[in-house]
ModelCIF file with pLDDT and N, C-alpha, C, O atoms, coordinates in Angstrom:
data_MODEL
#
_entry.id   MODEL 
#
_entity.id                         1 
_entity.type                       polymer 
_entity.pdbx_number_of_molecules   1 
#
_entity_poly.entity_id                      1 
_entity_poly.type                           'polypeptide(L)' 
_entity_poly.nstd_linkage                   no 
_entity_poly.nstd_monomer                   no 
_entity_poly.pdbx_seq_one_letter_code       GGKPTERSPILGWLGDAFRGGADFLSRPLAMTLLSAIALPALLLLVL 
_entity_poly.pdbx_seq_one_letter_code_can   GGKPTERSPILGWLGDAFRGGADFLSRPLAMTLLSAIALPALLLLVL 
_entity_poly.pdbx_strand_id                 A 
#
loop_
_entity_poly_seq.entity_id 
_entity_poly_seq.num 
_entity_poly_seq.mon_id 
_entity_poly_seq.hetero 
1 1  GLY n 
1 2  GLY n 
1 3  LYS n 
1 4  PRO n 
1 5  THR n 
1 6  GLU n 
1 7  ARG n 
1 8  SER n 
1 9  PRO n 
1 10 ILE n 
1 11 LEU n 
1 12 GLY n 
1 13 TRP n 
1 14 LEU n 
1 15 GLY n 
1 16 ASP n 
1 17 ALA n 
1 18 PHE n 
1 19 ARG n 
1 20 GLY n 
1 21 GLY n 
1 22 ALA n 
1 23 ASP n 
1 24 PHE n 
1 25 LEU n 
1 26 SER n 
1 27 ARG n 
1 28 PRO n 
1 29 LEU n 
1 30 ALA n 
1 31 MET n 
1 32 THR n 
1 33 LEU n 
1 34 LEU n 
1 35 SER n 
1 36 ALA n 
1 37 ILE n 
1 38 ALA n 
1 39 LEU n 
1 40 PRO n 
1 41 ALA n 
1 42 LEU n 
1 43 LEU n 
1 44 LEU n 
1 45 LEU n 
1 46 VAL n 
1 47 LEU n 
#
_struct_asym.id          A 
_struct_asym.entity_id   1 
#
loop_
_ma_qa_metric.id 
_ma_qa_metric.mode 
_ma_qa_metric.name 
_ma_qa_metric.software_group_id 
_ma_qa_metric.type 
1 global pLDDT . pLDDT 
2 local  pLDDT . pLDDT 
#
_ma_qa_metric_global.metric_id      1 
_ma_qa_metric_global.metric_value   56.17 
_ma_qa_metric_global.model_id       1 
_ma_qa_metric_global.ordinal_id     1 
#
loop_
_ma_qa_metric_local.label_asym_id 
_ma_qa_metric_local.label_comp_id 
_ma_qa_metric_local.label_seq_id 
_ma_qa_metric_local.metric_id 
_ma_qa_metric_local.metric_value 
_ma_qa_metric_local.model_id 
_ma_qa_metric_local.ordinal_id 
A GLY 1  2 53.00 1 1  
A GLY 2  2 50.00 1 2  
A LYS 3  2 52.00 1 3  
A PRO 4  2 49.00 1 4  
A THR 5  2 49.00 1 5  
A GLU 6  2 52.00 1 6  
A ARG 7  2 50.00 1 7  
A SER 8  2 50.00 1 8  
A PRO 9  2 53.00 1 9  
A ILE 10 2 49.00 1 10 
A LEU 11 2 49.00 1 11 
A GLY 12 2 54.00 1 12 
A TRP 13 2 52.00 1 13 
A LEU 14 2 54.00 1 14 
A GLY 15 2 56.00 1 15 
A ASP 16 2 61.00 1 16 
A ALA 17 2 58.00 1 17 
A PHE 18 2 55.00 1 18 
A ARG 19 2 60.00 1 19 
A GLY 20 2 61.00 1 20 
A GLY 21 2 59.00 1 21 
A ALA 22 2 58.00 1 22 
A ASP 23 2 62.00 1 23 
A PHE 24 2 56.00 1 24 
A LEU 25 2 55.00 1 25 
A SER 26 2 58.00 1 26 
A ARG 27 2 59.00 1 27 
A PRO 28 2 57.00 1 28 
A LEU 29 2 53.00 1 29 
A ALA 30 2 52.00 1 30 
A MET 31 2 54.00 1 31 
A THR 32 2 57.00 1 32 
A LEU 33 2 54.00 1 33 
A LEU 34 2 57.00 1 34 
A SER 35 2 57.00 1 35 
A ALA 36 2 56.00 1 36 
A ILE 37 2 59.00 1 37 
A ALA 38 2 58.00 1 38 
A LEU 39 2 57.00 1 39 
A PRO 40 2 64.00 1 40 
A ALA 41 2 62.00 1 41 
A LEU 42 2 64.00 1 42 
A LEU 43 2 62.00 1 43 
A LEU 44 2 63.00 1 44 
A LEU 45 2 62.00 1 45 
A VAL 46 2 58.00 1 46 
A LEU 47 2 60.00 1 47 
#
loop_
_atom_site.group_PDB 
_atom_site.id 
_atom_site.type_symbol 
_atom_site.label_atom_id 
_atom_site.label_alt_id 
_atom_site.label_comp_id 
_atom_site.label_asym_id 
_atom_site.label_entity_id 
_atom_site.label_seq_id 
_atom_site.pdbx_PDB_ins_code 
_atom_site.Cartn_x 
_atom_site.Cartn_y 
_atom_site.Cartn_z 
_atom_site.occupancy 
_atom_site.B_iso_or_equiv 
_atom_site.pdbx_formal_charge 
_atom_site.auth_seq_id 
_atom_site.auth_comp_id 
_atom_site.auth_asym_id 
_atom_site.auth_atom_id 
_atom_site.pdbx_PDB_model_num 
ATOM 1   N N  . GLY A 1 1  ? 150.176 79.790 6.509  1.00 53.00 ? 1  GLY A N  1 
ATOM 2   C CA . GLY A 1 1  ? 150.590 80.960 5.773  1.00 53.00 ? 1  GLY A CA 1 
ATOM 3   C C  . GLY A 1 1  ? 149.483 82.021 5.658  1.00 53.00 ? 1  GLY A C  1 
ATOM 4   O O  . GLY A 1 1  ? 149.460 82.822 4.723  1.00 53.00 ? 1  GLY A O  1 
ATOM 5   N N  . GLY A 1 2  ? 148.583 82.000 6.623  1.00 50.00 ? 2  GLY A N  1 
ATOM 6   C CA . GLY A 1 2  ? 147.544 83.065 6.629  1.00 50.00 ? 2  GLY A CA 1 
ATOM 7   C C  . GLY A 1 2  ? 146.339 82.550 5.859  1.00 50.00 ? 2  GLY A C  1 
ATOM 8   O O  . GLY A 1 2  ? 145.325 83.247 5.860  1.00 50.00 ? 2  GLY A O  1 
ATOM 9   N N  . LYS A 1 3  ? 146.354 81.411 5.211  1.00 52.00 ? 3  LYS A N  1 
ATOM 10  C CA . LYS A 1 3  ? 145.178 80.925 4.454  1.00 52.00 ? 3  LYS A CA 1 
ATOM 11  C C  . LYS A 1 3  ? 144.718 79.555 5.070  1.00 52.00 ? 3  LYS A C  1 
ATOM 12  O O  . LYS A 1 3  ? 145.518 78.681 5.402  1.00 52.00 ? 3  LYS A O  1 
ATOM 13  N N  . PRO A 1 4  ? 143.446 79.457 5.183  1.00 49.00 ? 4  PRO A N  1 
ATOM 14  C CA . PRO A 1 4  ? 142.870 78.132 5.737  1.00 49.00 ? 4  PRO A CA 1 
ATOM 15  C C  . PRO A 1 4  ? 143.181 77.090 4.768  1.00 49.00 ? 4  PRO A C  1 
ATOM 16  O O  . PRO A 1 4  ? 143.152 77.316 3.558  1.00 49.00 ? 4  PRO A O  1 
ATOM 17  N N  . THR A 1 5  ? 143.490 75.912 5.281  1.00 49.00 ? 5  THR A N  1 
ATOM 18  C CA . THR A 1 5  ? 143.742 74.679 4.506  1.00 49.00 ? 5  THR A CA 1 
ATOM 19  C C  . THR A 1 5  ? 142.529 73.832 4.418  1.00 49.00 ? 5  THR A C  1 
ATOM 20  O O  . THR A 1 5  ? 141.854 73.589 5.418  1.00 49.00 ? 5  THR A O  1 
ATOM 21  N N  . GLU A 1 6  ? 142.232 73.368 3.211  1.00 52.00 ? 6  GLU A N  1 
ATOM 22  C CA . GLU A 1 6  ? 141.031 72.543 3.060  1.00 52.00 ? 6  GLU A CA 1 
ATOM 23  C C  . GLU A 1 6  ? 141.157 71.189 3.789  1.00 52.00 ? 6  GLU A C  1 
ATOM 24  O O  . GLU A 1 6  ? 142.251 70.634 3.893  1.00 52.00 ? 6  GLU A O  1 
ATOM 25  N N  . ARG A 1 7  ? 140.069 70.691 4.270  1.00 50.00 ? 7  ARG A N  1 
ATOM 26  C CA . ARG A 1 7  ? 140.128 69.466 4.977  1.00 50.00 ? 7  ARG A CA 1 
ATOM 27  C C  . ARG A 1 7  ? 140.386 68.213 4.061  1.00 50.00 ? 7  ARG A C  1 
ATOM 28  O O  . ARG A 1 7  ? 139.758 68.082 3.010  1.00 50.00 ? 7  ARG A O  1 
ATOM 29  N N  . SER A 1 8  ? 141.258 67.357 4.450  1.00 50.00 ? 8  SER A N  1 
ATOM 30  C CA . SER A 1 8  ? 141.602 66.218 3.686  1.00 50.00 ? 8  SER A CA 1 
ATOM 31  C C  . SER A 1 8  ? 140.349 65.352 3.448  1.00 50.00 ? 8  SER A C  1 
ATOM 32  O O  . SER A 1 8  ? 139.654 65.028 4.411  1.00 50.00 ? 8  SER A O  1 
ATOM 33  N N  . PRO A 1 9  ? 140.039 64.966 2.190  1.00 53.00 ? 9  PRO A N  1 
ATOM 34  C CA . PRO A 1 9  ? 138.846 64.177 1.953  1.00 53.00 ? 9  PRO A CA 1 
ATOM 35  C C  . PRO A 1 9  ? 138.994 62.751 2.547  1.00 53.00 ? 9  PRO A C  1 
ATOM 36  O O  . PRO A 1 9  ? 138.020 62.128 2.971  1.00 53.00 ? 9  PRO A O  1 
ATOM 37  N N  . ILE A 1 10 ? 140.222 62.279 2.556  1.00 49.00 ? 10 ILE A N  1 
ATOM 38  C CA . ILE A 1 10 ? 140.376 60.924 3.146  1.00 49.00 ? 10 ILE A CA 1 
ATOM 39  C C  . ILE A 1 10 ? 140.200 60.955 4.644  1.00 49.00 ? 10 ILE A C  1 
ATOM 40  O O  . ILE A 1 10 ? 139.486 60.123 5.204  1.00 49.00 ? 10 ILE A O  1 
ATOM 41  N N  . LEU A 1 11 ? 140.843 61.905 5.301  1.00 49.00 ? 11 LEU A N  1 
ATOM 42  C CA . LEU A 1 11 ? 140.729 62.030 6.768  1.00 49.00 ? 11 LEU A CA 1 
ATOM 43  C C  . LEU A 1 11 ? 139.229 62.308 7.117  1.00 49.00 ? 11 LEU A C  1 
ATOM 44  O O  . LEU A 1 11 ? 138.708 61.768 8.093  1.00 49.00 ? 11 LEU A O  1 
ATOM 45  N N  . GLY A 1 12 ? 138.549 63.162 6.299  1.00 54.00 ? 12 GLY A N  1 
ATOM 46  C CA . GLY A 1 12 ? 137.165 63.477 6.557  1.00 54.00 ? 12 GLY A CA 1 
ATOM 47  C C  . GLY A 1 12 ? 136.313 62.250 6.432  1.00 54.00 ? 12 GLY A C  1 
ATOM 48  O O  . GLY A 1 12 ? 135.398 62.075 7.236  1.00 54.00 ? 12 GLY A O  1 
ATOM 49  N N  . TRP A 1 13 ? 136.556 61.388 5.473  1.00 52.00 ? 13 TRP A N  1 
ATOM 50  C CA . TRP A 1 13 ? 135.800 60.159 5.251  1.00 52.00 ? 13 TRP A CA 1 
ATOM 51  C C  . TRP A 1 13 ? 136.015 59.211 6.418  1.00 52.00 ? 13 TRP A C  1 
ATOM 52  O O  . TRP A 1 13 ? 135.078 58.588 6.917  1.00 52.00 ? 13 TRP A O  1 
ATOM 53  N N  . LEU A 1 14 ? 137.308 59.112 6.857  1.00 54.00 ? 14 LEU A N  1 
ATOM 54  C CA . LEU A 1 14 ? 137.577 58.202 7.966  1.00 54.00 ? 14 LEU A CA 1 
ATOM 55  C C  . LEU A 1 14 ? 136.975 58.727 9.247  1.00 54.00 ? 14 LEU A C  1 
ATOM 56  O O  . LEU A 1 14 ? 136.452 57.963 10.058 1.00 54.00 ? 14 LEU A O  1 
ATOM 57  N N  . GLY A 1 15 ? 137.054 60.109 9.439  1.00 56.00 ? 15 GLY A N  1 
ATOM 58  C CA . GLY A 1 15 ? 136.418 60.584 10.622 1.00 56.00 ? 15 GLY A CA 1 
ATOM 59  C C  . GLY A 1 15 ? 134.926 60.362 10.681 1.00 56.00 ? 15 GLY A C  1 
ATOM 60  O O  . GLY A 1 15 ? 134.381 60.081 11.748 1.00 56.00 ? 15 GLY A O  1 
ATOM 61  N N  . ASP A 1 16 ? 134.245 60.487 9.527  1.00 61.00 ? 16 ASP A N  1 
ATOM 62  C CA . ASP A 1 16 ? 132.809 60.208 9.526  1.00 61.00 ? 16 ASP A CA 1 
ATOM 63  C C  . ASP A 1 16 ? 132.548 58.773 9.915  1.00 61.00 ? 16 ASP A C  1 
ATOM 64  O O  . ASP A 1 16 ? 131.657 58.466 10.707 1.00 61.00 ? 16 ASP A O  1 
ATOM 65  N N  . ALA A 1 17 ? 133.342 57.914 9.339  1.00 58.00 ? 17 ALA A N  1 
ATOM 66  C CA . ALA A 1 17 ? 133.198 56.449 9.590  1.00 58.00 ? 17 ALA A CA 1 
ATOM 67  C C  . ALA A 1 17 ? 133.425 56.120 11.073 1.00 58.00 ? 17 ALA A C  1 
ATOM 68  O O  . ALA A 1 17 ? 132.659 55.390 11.703 1.00 58.00 ? 17 ALA A O  1 
ATOM 69  N N  . PHE A 1 18 ? 134.512 56.693 11.594 1.00 55.00 ? 18 PHE A N  1 
ATOM 70  C CA . PHE A 1 18 ? 134.736 56.504 13.023 1.00 55.00 ? 18 PHE A CA 1 
ATOM 71  C C  . PHE A 1 18 ? 133.673 57.014 13.945 1.00 55.00 ? 18 PHE A C  1 
ATOM 72  O O  . PHE A 1 18 ? 133.320 56.395 14.949 1.00 55.00 ? 18 PHE A O  1 
ATOM 73  N N  . ARG A 1 19 ? 133.160 58.197 13.560 1.00 60.00 ? 19 ARG A N  1 
ATOM 74  C CA . ARG A 1 19 ? 132.083 58.812 14.400 1.00 60.00 ? 19 ARG A CA 1 
ATOM 75  C C  . ARG A 1 19 ? 130.852 58.000 14.376 1.00 60.00 ? 19 ARG A C  1 
ATOM 76  O O  . ARG A 1 19 ? 130.155 57.829 15.377 1.00 60.00 ? 19 ARG A O  1 
ATOM 77  N N  . GLY A 1 20 ? 130.582 57.474 13.149 1.00 61.00 ? 20 GLY A N  1 
ATOM 78  C CA . GLY A 1 20 ? 129.365 56.633 13.011 1.00 61.00 ? 20 GLY A CA 1 
ATOM 79  C C  . GLY A 1 20 ? 129.452 55.332 13.841 1.00 61.00 ? 20 GLY A C  1 
ATOM 80  O O  . GLY A 1 20 ? 128.489 54.901 14.476 1.00 61.00 ? 20 GLY A O  1 
ATOM 81  N N  . GLY A 1 21 ? 130.678 54.723 13.801 1.00 59.00 ? 21 GLY A N  1 
ATOM 82  C CA . GLY A 1 21 ? 130.883 53.503 14.633 1.00 59.00 ? 21 GLY A CA 1 
ATOM 83  C C  . GLY A 1 21 ? 130.775 53.795 16.047 1.00 59.00 ? 21 GLY A C  1 
ATOM 84  O O  . GLY A 1 21 ? 130.139 53.048 16.790 1.00 59.00 ? 21 GLY A O  1 
ATOM 85  N N  . ALA A 1 22 ? 131.420 54.947 16.505 1.00 58.00 ? 22 ALA A N  1 
ATOM 86  C CA . ALA A 1 22 ? 131.459 55.181 17.935 1.00 58.00 ? 22 ALA A CA 1 
ATOM 87  C C  . ALA A 1 22 ? 130.041 55.549 18.439 1.00 58.00 ? 22 ALA A C  1 
ATOM 88  O O  . ALA A 1 22 ? 129.639 55.174 19.541 1.00 58.00 ? 22 ALA A O  1 
ATOM 89  N N  . ASP A 1 23 ? 129.316 56.282 17.608 1.00 62.00 ? 23 ASP A N  1 
ATOM 90  C CA . ASP A 1 23 ? 127.910 56.550 18.009 1.00 62.00 ? 23 ASP A CA 1 
ATOM 91  C C  . ASP A 1 23 ? 127.009 55.315 18.195 1.00 62.00 ? 23 ASP A C  1 
ATOM 92  O O  . ASP A 1 23 ? 126.173 55.219 19.093 1.00 62.00 ? 23 ASP A O  1 
ATOM 93  N N  . PHE A 1 24 ? 127.259 54.374 17.255 1.00 56.00 ? 24 PHE A N  1 
ATOM 94  C CA . PHE A 1 24 ? 126.487 53.167 17.301 1.00 56.00 ? 24 PHE A CA 1 
ATOM 95  C C  . PHE A 1 24 ? 126.827 52.376 18.564 1.00 56.00 ? 24 PHE A C  1 
ATOM 96  O O  . PHE A 1 24 ? 125.918 51.947 19.275 1.00 56.00 ? 24 PHE A O  1 
ATOM 97  N N  . LEU A 1 25 ? 128.126 52.169 18.863 1.00 55.00 ? 25 LEU A N  1 
ATOM 98  C CA . LEU A 1 25 ? 128.591 51.403 19.943 1.00 55.00 ? 25 LEU A CA 1 
ATOM 99  C C  . LEU A 1 25 ? 128.215 52.061 21.292 1.00 55.00 ? 25 LEU A C  1 
ATOM 100 O O  . LEU A 1 25 ? 128.062 51.365 22.295 1.00 55.00 ? 25 LEU A O  1 
ATOM 101 N N  . SER A 1 26 ? 128.073 53.350 21.312 1.00 58.00 ? 26 SER A N  1 
ATOM 102 C CA . SER A 1 26 ? 127.751 54.076 22.486 1.00 58.00 ? 26 SER A CA 1 
ATOM 103 C C  . SER A 1 26 ? 126.255 53.963 22.932 1.00 58.00 ? 26 SER A C  1 
ATOM 104 O O  . SER A 1 26 ? 125.901 54.393 24.030 1.00 58.00 ? 26 SER A O  1 
ATOM 105 N N  . ARG A 1 27 ? 125.389 53.375 22.059 1.00 59.00 ? 27 ARG A N  1 
ATOM 106 C CA . ARG A 1 27 ? 123.988 53.216 22.378 1.00 59.00 ? 27 ARG A CA 1 
ATOM 107 C C  . ARG A 1 27 ? 123.846 51.928 23.189 1.00 59.00 ? 27 ARG A C  1 
ATOM 108 O O  . ARG A 1 27 ? 124.433 50.900 22.854 1.00 59.00 ? 27 ARG A O  1 
ATOM 109 N N  . PRO A 1 28 ? 123.032 52.005 24.293 1.00 57.00 ? 28 PRO A N  1 
ATOM 110 C CA . PRO A 1 28 ? 122.786 50.790 25.053 1.00 57.00 ? 28 PRO A CA 1 
ATOM 111 C C  . PRO A 1 28 ? 122.271 49.636 24.333 1.00 57.00 ? 28 PRO A C  1 
ATOM 112 O O  . PRO A 1 28 ? 122.661 48.502 24.609 1.00 57.00 ? 28 PRO A O  1 
ATOM 113 N N  . LEU A 1 29 ? 121.388 49.876 23.394 1.00 53.00 ? 29 LEU A N  1 
ATOM 114 C CA . LEU A 1 29 ? 120.816 48.742 22.635 1.00 53.00 ? 29 LEU A CA 1 
ATOM 115 C C  . LEU A 1 29 ? 121.861 48.102 21.757 1.00 53.00 ? 29 LEU A C  1 
ATOM 116 O O  . LEU A 1 29 ? 121.746 46.907 21.483 1.00 53.00 ? 29 LEU A O  1 
ATOM 117 N N  . ALA A 1 30 ? 122.900 48.829 21.285 1.00 52.00 ? 30 ALA A N  1 
ATOM 118 C CA . ALA A 1 30 ? 123.899 48.241 20.341 1.00 52.00 ? 30 ALA A CA 1 
ATOM 119 C C  . ALA A 1 30 ? 124.605 47.075 20.992 1.00 52.00 ? 30 ALA A C  1 
ATOM 120 O O  . ALA A 1 30 ? 124.772 46.046 20.337 1.00 52.00 ? 30 ALA A O  1 
ATOM 121 N N  . MET A 1 31 ? 125.020 47.166 22.211 1.00 54.00 ? 31 MET A N  1 
ATOM 122 C CA . MET A 1 31 ? 125.711 46.048 22.893 1.00 54.00 ? 31 MET A CA 1 
ATOM 123 C C  . MET A 1 31 ? 124.756 44.836 23.009 1.00 54.00 ? 31 MET A C  1 
ATOM 124 O O  . MET A 1 31 ? 125.170 43.690 22.834 1.00 54.00 ? 31 MET A O  1 
ATOM 125 N N  . THR A 1 32 ? 123.483 45.115 23.304 1.00 57.00 ? 32 THR A N  1 
ATOM 126 C CA . THR A 1 32 ? 122.557 43.967 23.400 1.00 57.00 ? 32 THR A CA 1 
ATOM 127 C C  . THR A 1 32 ? 122.413 43.302 22.013 1.00 57.00 ? 32 THR A C  1 
ATOM 128 O O  . THR A 1 32 ? 122.424 42.073 21.928 1.00 57.00 ? 32 THR A O  1 
ATOM 129 N N  . LEU A 1 33 ? 122.281 44.080 20.936 1.00 54.00 ? 33 LEU A N  1 
ATOM 130 C CA . LEU A 1 33 ? 122.155 43.517 19.612 1.00 54.00 ? 33 LEU A CA 1 
ATOM 131 C C  . LEU A 1 33 ? 123.344 42.690 19.234 1.00 54.00 ? 33 LEU A C  1 
ATOM 132 O O  . LEU A 1 33 ? 123.218 41.598 18.679 1.00 54.00 ? 33 LEU A O  1 
ATOM 133 N N  . LEU A 1 34 ? 124.571 43.253 19.558 1.00 57.00 ? 34 LEU A N  1 
ATOM 134 C CA . LEU A 1 34 ? 125.780 42.620 19.171 1.00 57.00 ? 34 LEU A CA 1 
ATOM 135 C C  . LEU A 1 34 ? 125.908 41.296 19.940 1.00 57.00 ? 34 LEU A C  1 
ATOM 136 O O  . LEU A 1 34 ? 126.301 40.276 19.376 1.00 57.00 ? 34 LEU A O  1 
ATOM 137 N N  . SER A 1 35 ? 125.580 41.331 21.190 1.00 57.00 ? 35 SER A N  1 
ATOM 138 C CA . SER A 1 35 ? 125.675 40.126 22.098 1.00 57.00 ? 35 SER A CA 1 
ATOM 139 C C  . SER A 1 35 ? 124.673 39.070 21.528 1.00 57.00 ? 35 SER A C  1 
ATOM 140 O O  . SER A 1 35 ? 125.010 37.889 21.432 1.00 57.00 ? 35 SER A O  1 
ATOM 141 N N  . ALA A 1 36 ? 123.504 39.488 21.173 1.00 56.00 ? 36 ALA A N  1 
ATOM 142 C CA . ALA A 1 36 ? 122.439 38.544 20.726 1.00 56.00 ? 36 ALA A CA 1 
ATOM 143 C C  . ALA A 1 36 ? 122.849 37.839 19.404 1.00 56.00 ? 36 ALA A C  1 
ATOM 144 O O  . ALA A 1 36 ? 122.522 36.680 19.154 1.00 56.00 ? 36 ALA A O  1 
ATOM 145 N N  . ILE A 1 37 ? 123.574 38.603 18.592 1.00 59.00 ? 37 ILE A N  1 
ATOM 146 C CA . ILE A 1 37 ? 123.994 38.050 17.284 1.00 59.00 ? 37 ILE A CA 1 
ATOM 147 C C  . ILE A 1 37 ? 125.343 37.332 17.436 1.00 59.00 ? 37 ILE A C  1 
ATOM 148 O O  . ILE A 1 37 ? 125.494 36.196 16.987 1.00 59.00 ? 37 ILE A O  1 
ATOM 149 N N  . ALA A 1 38 ? 126.266 37.957 18.032 1.00 58.00 ? 38 ALA A N  1 
ATOM 150 C CA . ALA A 1 38 ? 127.641 37.333 18.036 1.00 58.00 ? 38 ALA A CA 1 
ATOM 151 C C  . ALA A 1 38 ? 127.764 36.157 18.969 1.00 58.00 ? 38 ALA A C  1 
ATOM 152 O O  . ALA A 1 38 ? 128.558 35.259 18.689 1.00 58.00 ? 38 ALA A O  1 
ATOM 153 N N  . LEU A 1 39 ? 127.026 36.103 20.066 1.00 57.00 ? 39 LEU A N  1 
ATOM 154 C CA . LEU A 1 39 ? 127.067 35.039 21.008 1.00 57.00 ? 39 LEU A CA 1 
ATOM 155 C C  . LEU A 1 39 ? 126.641 33.735 20.349 1.00 57.00 ? 39 LEU A C  1 
ATOM 156 O O  . LEU A 1 39 ? 127.401 32.767 20.385 1.00 57.00 ? 39 LEU A O  1 
ATOM 157 N N  . PRO A 1 40 ? 125.461 33.672 19.751 1.00 64.00 ? 40 PRO A N  1 
ATOM 158 C CA . PRO A 1 40 ? 125.029 32.442 19.066 1.00 64.00 ? 40 PRO A CA 1 
ATOM 159 C C  . PRO A 1 40 ? 126.001 32.055 17.942 1.00 64.00 ? 40 PRO A C  1 
ATOM 160 O O  . PRO A 1 40 ? 126.250 30.872 17.708 1.00 64.00 ? 40 PRO A O  1 
ATOM 161 N N  . ALA A 1 41 ? 126.550 33.074 17.245 1.00 62.00 ? 41 ALA A N  1 
ATOM 162 C CA . ALA A 1 41 ? 127.529 32.738 16.157 1.00 62.00 ? 41 ALA A CA 1 
ATOM 163 C C  . ALA A 1 41 ? 128.794 32.125 16.730 1.00 62.00 ? 41 ALA A C  1 
ATOM 164 O O  . ALA A 1 41 ? 129.356 31.211 16.127 1.00 62.00 ? 41 ALA A O  1 
ATOM 165 N N  . LEU A 1 42 ? 129.279 32.624 17.934 1.00 64.00 ? 42 LEU A N  1 
ATOM 166 C CA . LEU A 1 42 ? 130.442 32.073 18.555 1.00 64.00 ? 42 LEU A CA 1 
ATOM 167 C C  . LEU A 1 42 ? 130.155 30.608 19.038 1.00 64.00 ? 42 LEU A C  1 
ATOM 168 O O  . LEU A 1 42 ? 130.998 29.721 18.905 1.00 64.00 ? 42 LEU A O  1 
ATOM 169 N N  . LEU A 1 43 ? 128.983 30.408 19.578 1.00 62.00 ? 43 LEU A N  1 
ATOM 170 C CA . LEU A 1 43 ? 128.601 29.024 20.005 1.00 62.00 ? 43 LEU A CA 1 
ATOM 171 C C  . LEU A 1 43 ? 128.526 28.107 18.790 1.00 62.00 ? 43 LEU A C  1 
ATOM 172 O O  . LEU A 1 43 ? 128.973 26.962 18.852 1.00 62.00 ? 43 LEU A O  1 
ATOM 173 N N  . LEU A 1 44 ? 127.962 28.602 17.676 1.00 63.00 ? 44 LEU A N  1 
ATOM 174 C CA . LEU A 1 44 ? 127.916 27.786 16.411 1.00 63.00 ? 44 LEU A CA 1 
ATOM 175 C C  . LEU A 1 44 ? 129.285 27.495 15.951 1.00 63.00 ? 44 LEU A C  1 
ATOM 176 O O  . LEU A 1 44 ? 129.533 26.376 15.503 1.00 63.00 ? 44 LEU A O  1 
ATOM 177 N N  . LEU A 1 45 ? 130.216 28.423 16.023 1.00 62.00 ? 45 LEU A N  1 
ATOM 178 C CA . LEU A 1 45 ? 131.644 28.212 15.564 1.00 62.00 ? 45 LEU A CA 1 
ATOM 179 C C  . LEU A 1 45 ? 132.272 27.083 16.399 1.00 62.00 ? 45 LEU A C  1 
ATOM 180 O O  . LEU A 1 45 ? 132.932 26.188 15.870 1.00 62.00 ? 45 LEU A O  1 
ATOM 181 N N  . VAL A 1 46 ? 132.042 27.157 17.732 1.00 58.00 ? 46 VAL A N  1 
ATOM 182 C CA . VAL A 1 46 ? 132.676 26.085 18.628 1.00 58.00 ? 46 VAL A CA 1 
ATOM 183 C C  . VAL A 1 46 ? 132.035 24.743 18.275 1.00 58.00 ? 46 VAL A C  1 
ATOM 184 O O  . VAL A 1 46 ? 132.718 23.719 18.258 1.00 58.00 ? 46 VAL A O  1 
ATOM 185 N N  . LEU A 1 47 ? 130.772 24.738 18.002 1.00 60.00 ? 47 LEU A N  1 
ATOM 186 C CA . LEU A 1 47 ? 130.141 23.461 17.647 1.00 60.00 ? 47 LEU A CA 1 
ATOM 187 C C  . LEU A 1 47 ? 130.710 22.885 16.292 1.00 60.00 ? 47 LEU A C  1 
ATOM 188 O O  . LEU A 1 47 ? 130.287 21.817 15.849 1.00 60.00 ? 47 LEU A O  1 
#
């Protein structure tokens, strides 16, 4: 109606969370850290 609409605070918070998670997973070191932590945890769970 000719007036800008304010950004939804919930969508904005979710967007920031998603962006933070995506930025973290996009780093080469992130996959290495997750593998180093999750793989031993998976082996321990099997045991």
